[in-house]
Amino acid sequence: MRKCEKCGANMKSDLRLKVNGGGYGIVVRVDEKHKATTIDDVRVAVCPECGYTEMYL
């Protein structure tokens, strides 16, 4: 379980990031010599106490 860096509360994790107005999320890619490789979907953790948010892979 992730702990909030700001207040120490348990964070809600394994959430997905979604862009408003679109049904797609954000994907991290590495571009090596014009050949993109997808690493993973970005995940989000949110603290229900103070609202601190962090993104991770």
PDB file of N, CA and C in Angstrom:
ATOM      1  N   MET A   1       0.837  -1.174   0.000  1.00  0.00           N
ATOM      2  CA  MET A   1       0.000   0.000   0.000  1.00  0.00           C
ATOM      3  C   MET A   1       0.890   1.248   0.000  1.00  0.00           C
ATOM      4  N   ARG A   2       0.597   2.169  -0.880  1.00  0.00           N
ATOM      5  CA  ARG A   2       1.374   3.405  -0.954  1.00  0.00           C
ATOM      6  C   ARG A   2       0.979   4.349   0.166  1.00  0.00           C
ATOM      7  N   LYS A   3       1.978   5.028   0.718  1.00  0.00           N
ATOM      8  CA  LYS A   3       1.758   6.047   1.749  1.00  0.00           C
ATOM      9  C   LYS A   3       1.951   7.419   1.114  1.00  0.00           C
ATOM     10  N   CYS A   4       1.124   8.372   1.491  1.00  0.00           N
ATOM     11  CA  CYS A   4       1.218   9.743   0.994  1.00  0.00           C
ATOM     12  C   CYS A   4       2.495  10.393   1.516  1.00  0.00           C
ATOM     13  N   GLU A   5       3.233  11.046   0.632  1.00  0.00           N
ATOM     14  CA  GLU A   5       4.464  11.738   1.020  1.00  0.00           C
ATOM     15  C   GLU A   5       4.176  12.995   1.831  1.00  0.00           C
ATOM     16  N   LYS A   6       2.995  13.558   1.692  1.00  0.00           N
ATOM     17  CA  LYS A   6       2.641  14.806   2.378  1.00  0.00           C
ATOM     18  C   LYS A   6       2.099  14.572   3.790  1.00  0.00           C
ATOM     19  N   CYS A   7       1.128  13.638   3.926  1.00  0.00           N
ATOM     20  CA  CYS A   7       0.466  13.477   5.229  1.00  0.00           C
ATOM     21  C   CYS A   7       0.584  12.081   5.832  1.00  0.00           C
ATOM     22  N   GLY A   8       1.080  11.101   5.073  1.00  0.00           N
ATOM     23  CA  GLY A   8       1.283   9.755   5.596  1.00  0.00           C
ATOM     24  C   GLY A   8       0.073   8.835   5.533  1.00  0.00           C
ATOM     25  N   ALA A   9      -1.043   9.298   4.983  1.00  0.00           N
ATOM     26  CA  ALA A   9      -2.251   8.467   4.875  1.00  0.00           C
ATOM     27  C   ALA A   9      -2.075   7.419   3.776  1.00  0.00           C
ATOM     28  N   ASN A  10      -2.884   6.360   3.816  1.00  0.00           N
ATOM     29  CA  ASN A  10      -2.876   5.353   2.760  1.00  0.00           C
ATOM     30  C   ASN A  10      -3.507   5.943   1.504  1.00  0.00           C
ATOM     31  N   MET A  11      -2.826   5.751   0.370  1.00  0.00           N
ATOM     32  CA  MET A  11      -3.305   6.312  -0.892  1.00  0.00           C
ATOM     33  C   MET A  11      -4.140   5.295  -1.650  1.00  0.00           C
ATOM     34  N   LYS A  12      -5.077   5.791  -2.447  1.00  0.00           N
ATOM     35  CA  LYS A  12      -5.801   4.941  -3.386  1.00  0.00           C
ATOM     36  C   LYS A  12      -4.908   4.827  -4.611  1.00  0.00           C
ATOM     37  N   SER A  13      -4.504   3.605  -4.953  1.00  0.00           N
ATOM     38  CA  SER A  13      -3.545   3.438  -6.040  1.00  0.00           C
ATOM     39  C   SER A  13      -4.111   2.563  -7.148  1.00  0.00           C
ATOM     40  N   ASP A  14      -3.313   2.380  -8.184  1.00  0.00           N
ATOM     41  CA  ASP A  14      -3.645   1.597  -9.371  1.00  0.00           C
ATOM     42  C   ASP A  14      -4.822   2.203 -10.133  1.00  0.00           C
ATOM     43  N   LEU A  15      -4.926   3.536 -10.101  1.00  0.00           N
ATOM     44  CA  LEU A  15      -5.948   4.253 -10.857  1.00  0.00           C
ATOM     45  C   LEU A  15      -5.383   4.613 -12.222  1.00  0.00           C
ATOM     46  N   ARG A  16      -6.235   4.875 -13.176  1.00  0.00           N
ATOM     47  CA  ARG A  16      -5.787   5.240 -14.523  1.00  0.00           C
ATOM     48  C   ARG A  16      -6.000   6.725 -14.771  1.00  0.00           C
ATOM     49  N   LEU A  17      -5.128   7.285 -15.589  1.00  0.00           N
ATOM     50  CA  LEU A  17      -5.206   8.690 -15.963  1.00  0.00           C
ATOM     51  C   LEU A  17      -5.965   8.798 -17.278  1.00  0.00           C
ATOM     52  N   LYS A  18      -6.991   9.638 -17.317  1.00  0.00           N
ATOM     53  CA  LYS A  18      -7.803   9.805 -18.523  1.00  0.00           C
ATOM     54  C   LYS A  18      -7.872  11.277 -18.875  1.00  0.00           C
ATOM     55  N   VAL A  19      -7.752  11.586 -20.148  1.00  0.00           N
ATOM     56  CA  VAL A  19      -7.835  12.954 -20.638  1.00  0.00           C
ATOM     57  C   VAL A  19      -9.303  13.283 -20.892  1.00  0.00           C
ATOM     58  N   ASN A  20      -9.790  14.419 -20.365  1.00  0.00           N
ATOM     59  CA  ASN A  20     -11.181  14.829 -20.596  1.00  0.00           C
ATOM     60  C   ASN A  20     -11.438  15.032 -22.078  1.00  0.00           C
ATOM     61  N   GLY A  21     -12.588  14.577 -22.530  1.00  0.00           N
ATOM     62  CA  GLY A  21     -12.960  14.749 -23.925  1.00  0.00           C
ATOM     63  C   GLY A  21     -12.481  13.617 -24.813  1.00  0.00           C
ATOM     64  N   GLY A  22     -11.779  12.665 -24.257  1.00  0.00           N
ATOM     65  CA  GLY A  22     -11.285  11.544 -25.049  1.00  0.00           C
ATOM     66  C   GLY A  22     -11.370  10.258 -24.256  1.00  0.00           C
ATOM     67  N   GLY A  23     -11.513   9.170 -24.935  1.00  0.00           N
ATOM     68  CA  GLY A  23     -11.605   7.879 -24.274  1.00  0.00           C
ATOM     69  C   GLY A  23     -10.263   7.186 -24.180  1.00  0.00           C
ATOM     70  N   TYR A  24      -9.206   7.941 -24.229  1.00  0.00           N
ATOM     71  CA  TYR A  24      -7.872   7.348 -24.224  1.00  0.00           C
ATOM     72  C   TYR A  24      -7.093   7.827 -23.006  1.00  0.00           C
ATOM     73  N   GLY A  25      -6.118   7.053 -22.607  1.00  0.00           N
ATOM     74  CA  GLY A  25      -5.254   7.428 -21.491  1.00  0.00           C
ATOM     75  C   GLY A  25      -3.908   7.899 -22.008  1.00  0.00           C
ATOM     76  N   ILE A  26      -2.948   8.010 -21.109  1.00  0.00           N
ATOM     77  CA  ILE A  26      -1.606   8.439 -21.478  1.00  0.00           C
ATOM     78  C   ILE A  26      -0.682   7.229 -21.444  1.00  0.00           C
ATOM     79  N   VAL A  27       0.119   7.055 -22.486  1.00  0.00           N
ATOM     80  CA  VAL A  27       1.050   5.941 -22.593  1.00  0.00           C
ATOM     81  C   VAL A  27       2.461   6.500 -22.667  1.00  0.00           C
ATOM     82  N   VAL A  28       3.399   5.865 -21.964  1.00  0.00           N
ATOM     83  CA  VAL A  28       4.799   6.284 -22.003  1.00  0.00           C
ATOM     84  C   VAL A  28       5.499   5.497 -23.100  1.00  0.00           C
ATOM     85  N   ARG A  29       6.192   6.207 -23.986  1.00  0.00           N
ATOM     86  CA  ARG A  29       6.920   5.556 -25.080  1.00  0.00           C
ATOM     87  C   ARG A  29       8.361   6.021 -25.110  1.00  0.00           C
ATOM     88  N   VAL A  30       9.231   5.133 -25.531  1.00  0.00           N
ATOM     89  CA  VAL A  30      10.639   5.455 -25.719  1.00  0.00           C
ATOM     90  C   VAL A  30      10.902   5.433 -27.213  1.00  0.00           C
ATOM     91  N   ASP A  31      11.454   6.522 -27.740  1.00  0.00           N
ATOM     92  CA  ASP A  31      11.715   6.625 -29.174  1.00  0.00           C
ATOM     93  C   ASP A  31      13.202   6.401 -29.415  1.00  0.00           C
ATOM     94  N   GLU A  32      13.541   5.220 -29.905  1.00  0.00           N
ATOM     95  CA  GLU A  32      14.929   4.892 -30.217  1.00  0.00           C
ATOM     96  C   GLU A  32      15.078   4.785 -31.729  1.00  0.00           C
ATOM     97  N   LYS A  33      15.768   5.740 -32.298  1.00  0.00           N
ATOM     98  CA  LYS A  33      16.018   5.782 -33.741  1.00  0.00           C
ATOM     99  C   LYS A  33      14.721   5.666 -34.537  1.00  0.00           C
ATOM    100  N   HIS A  34      13.761   6.516 -34.197  1.00  0.00           N
ATOM    101  CA  HIS A  34      12.481   6.631 -34.898  1.00  0.00           C
ATOM    102  C   HIS A  34      11.638   5.363 -34.812  1.00  0.00           C
ATOM    103  N   LYS A  35      11.887   4.531 -33.818  1.00  0.00           N
ATOM    104  CA  LYS A  35      11.093   3.320 -33.613  1.00  0.00           C
ATOM    105  C   LYS A  35      10.549   3.369 -32.185  1.00  0.00           C
ATOM    106  N   ALA A  36       9.288   3.727 -32.041  1.00  0.00           N
ATOM    107  CA  ALA A  36       8.694   3.902 -30.713  1.00  0.00           C
ATOM    108  C   ALA A  36       8.358   2.552 -30.084  1.00  0.00           C
ATOM    109  N   THR A  37       8.677   2.431 -28.812  1.00  0.00           N
ATOM    110  CA  THR A  37       8.357   1.238 -28.041  1.00  0.00           C
ATOM    111  C   THR A  37       7.504   1.655 -26.844  1.00  0.00           C
ATOM    112  N   THR A  38       6.364   1.023 -26.683  1.00  0.00           N
ATOM    113  CA  THR A  38       5.497   1.332 -25.552  1.00  0.00           C
ATOM    114  C   THR A  38       6.031   0.642 -24.307  1.00  0.00           C
ATOM    115  N   ILE A  39       6.204   1.420 -23.227  1.00  0.00           N
ATOM    116  CA  ILE A  39       6.673   0.854 -21.964  1.00  0.00           C
ATOM    117  C   ILE A  39       5.480   0.363 -21.153  1.00  0.00           C
ATOM    118  N   ASP A  40       4.564   1.240 -20.844  1.00  0.00           N
ATOM    119  CA  ASP A  40       3.428   0.868 -20.001  1.00  0.00           C
ATOM    120  C   ASP A  40       2.448   2.030 -19.915  1.00  0.00           C
ATOM    121  N   ASP A  41       1.254   1.730 -19.430  1.00  0.00           N
ATOM    122  CA  ASP A  41       0.279   2.777 -19.144  1.00  0.00           C
ATOM    123  C   ASP A  41       0.681   3.491 -17.865  1.00  0.00           C
ATOM    124  N   VAL A  42       0.399   4.761 -17.802  1.00  0.00           N
ATOM    125  CA  VAL A  42       0.666   5.534 -16.593  1.00  0.00           C
ATOM    126  C   VAL A  42      -0.434   5.230 -15.577  1.00  0.00           C
ATOM    127  N   ARG A  43      -0.039   4.946 -14.356  1.00  0.00           N
ATOM    128  CA  ARG A  43      -0.971   4.715 -13.252  1.00  0.00           C
ATOM    129  C   ARG A  43      -0.913   5.905 -12.310  1.00  0.00           C
ATOM    130  N   VAL A  44      -1.965   6.084 -11.531  1.00  0.00           N
ATOM    131  CA  VAL A  44      -2.056   7.230 -10.631  1.00  0.00           C
ATOM    132  C   VAL A  44      -2.427   6.749  -9.230  1.00  0.00           C
ATOM    133  N   ALA A  45      -1.851   7.405  -8.223  1.00  0.00           N
ATOM    134  CA  ALA A  45      -2.232   7.197  -6.825  1.00  0.00           C
ATOM    135  C   ALA A  45      -2.687   8.541  -6.272  1.00  0.00           C
ATOM    136  N   VAL A  46      -3.806   8.536  -5.530  1.00  0.00           N
ATOM    137  CA  VAL A  46      -4.381   9.765  -4.982  1.00  0.00           C
ATOM    138  C   VAL A  46      -4.591   9.588  -3.481  1.00  0.00           C
ATOM    139  N   CYS A  47      -4.211  10.608  -2.713  1.00  0.00           N
ATOM    140  CA  CYS A  47      -4.435  10.599  -1.270  1.00  0.00           C
ATOM    141  C   CYS A  47      -5.846  11.112  -0.986  1.00  0.00           C
ATOM    142  N   PRO A  48      -6.679  10.324  -0.302  1.00  0.00           N
ATOM    143  CA  PRO A  48      -8.039  10.773  -0.001  1.00  0.00           C
ATOM    144  C   PRO A  48      -8.095  11.840   1.095  1.00  0.00           C
ATOM    145  N   GLU A  49      -7.001  12.018   1.829  1.00  0.00           N
ATOM    146  CA  GLU A  49      -6.976  12.992   2.921  1.00  0.00           C
ATOM    147  C   GLU A  49      -6.600  14.400   2.448  1.00  0.00           C
ATOM    148  N   CYS A  50      -5.474  14.517   1.718  1.00  0.00           N
ATOM    149  CA  CYS A  50      -4.979  15.850   1.344  1.00  0.00           C
ATOM    150  C   CYS A  50      -5.048  16.130  -0.158  1.00  0.00           C
ATOM    151  N   GLY A  51      -5.341  15.093  -0.979  1.00  0.00           N
ATOM    152  CA  GLY A  51      -5.466  15.297  -2.412  1.00  0.00           C
ATOM    153  C   GLY A  51      -4.168  15.182  -3.193  1.00  0.00           C
ATOM    154  N   TYR A  52      -3.054  14.865  -2.516  1.00  0.00           N
ATOM    155  CA  TYR A  52      -1.771  14.699  -3.210  1.00  0.00           C
ATOM    156  C   TYR A  52      -1.907  13.598  -4.260  1.00  0.00           C
ATOM    157  N   THR A  53      -1.367  13.843  -5.451  1.00  0.00           N
ATOM    158  CA  THR A  53      -1.467  12.908  -6.564  1.00  0.00           C
ATOM    159  C   THR A  53      -0.082  12.621  -7.117  1.00  0.00           C
ATOM    160  N   GLU A  54       0.190  11.342  -7.441  1.00  0.00           N
ATOM    161  CA  GLU A  54       1.456  10.992  -8.073  1.00  0.00           C
ATOM    162  C   GLU A  54       1.206  10.000  -9.193  1.00  0.00           C
ATOM    163  N   MET A  55       2.014  10.107 -10.249  1.00  0.00           N
ATOM    164  CA  MET A  55       1.939   9.189 -11.377  1.00  0.00           C
ATOM    165  C   MET A  55       3.112   8.226 -11.298  1.00  0.00           C
ATOM    166  N   TYR A  56       2.885   6.983 -11.735  1.00  0.00           N
ATOM    167  CA  TYR A  56       3.943   5.974 -11.740  1.00  0.00           C
ATOM    168  C   TYR A  56       3.664   4.960 -12.840  1.00  0.00           C
ATOM    169  N   LEU A  57       4.659   4.148 -13.141  1.00  0.00           N
ATOM    170  CA  LEU A  57       4.498   3.099 -14.154  1.00  0.00           C
ATOM    171  C   LEU A  57       4.280   1.766 -13.489  1.00  0.00           C
TER     172      LEU A  57
END
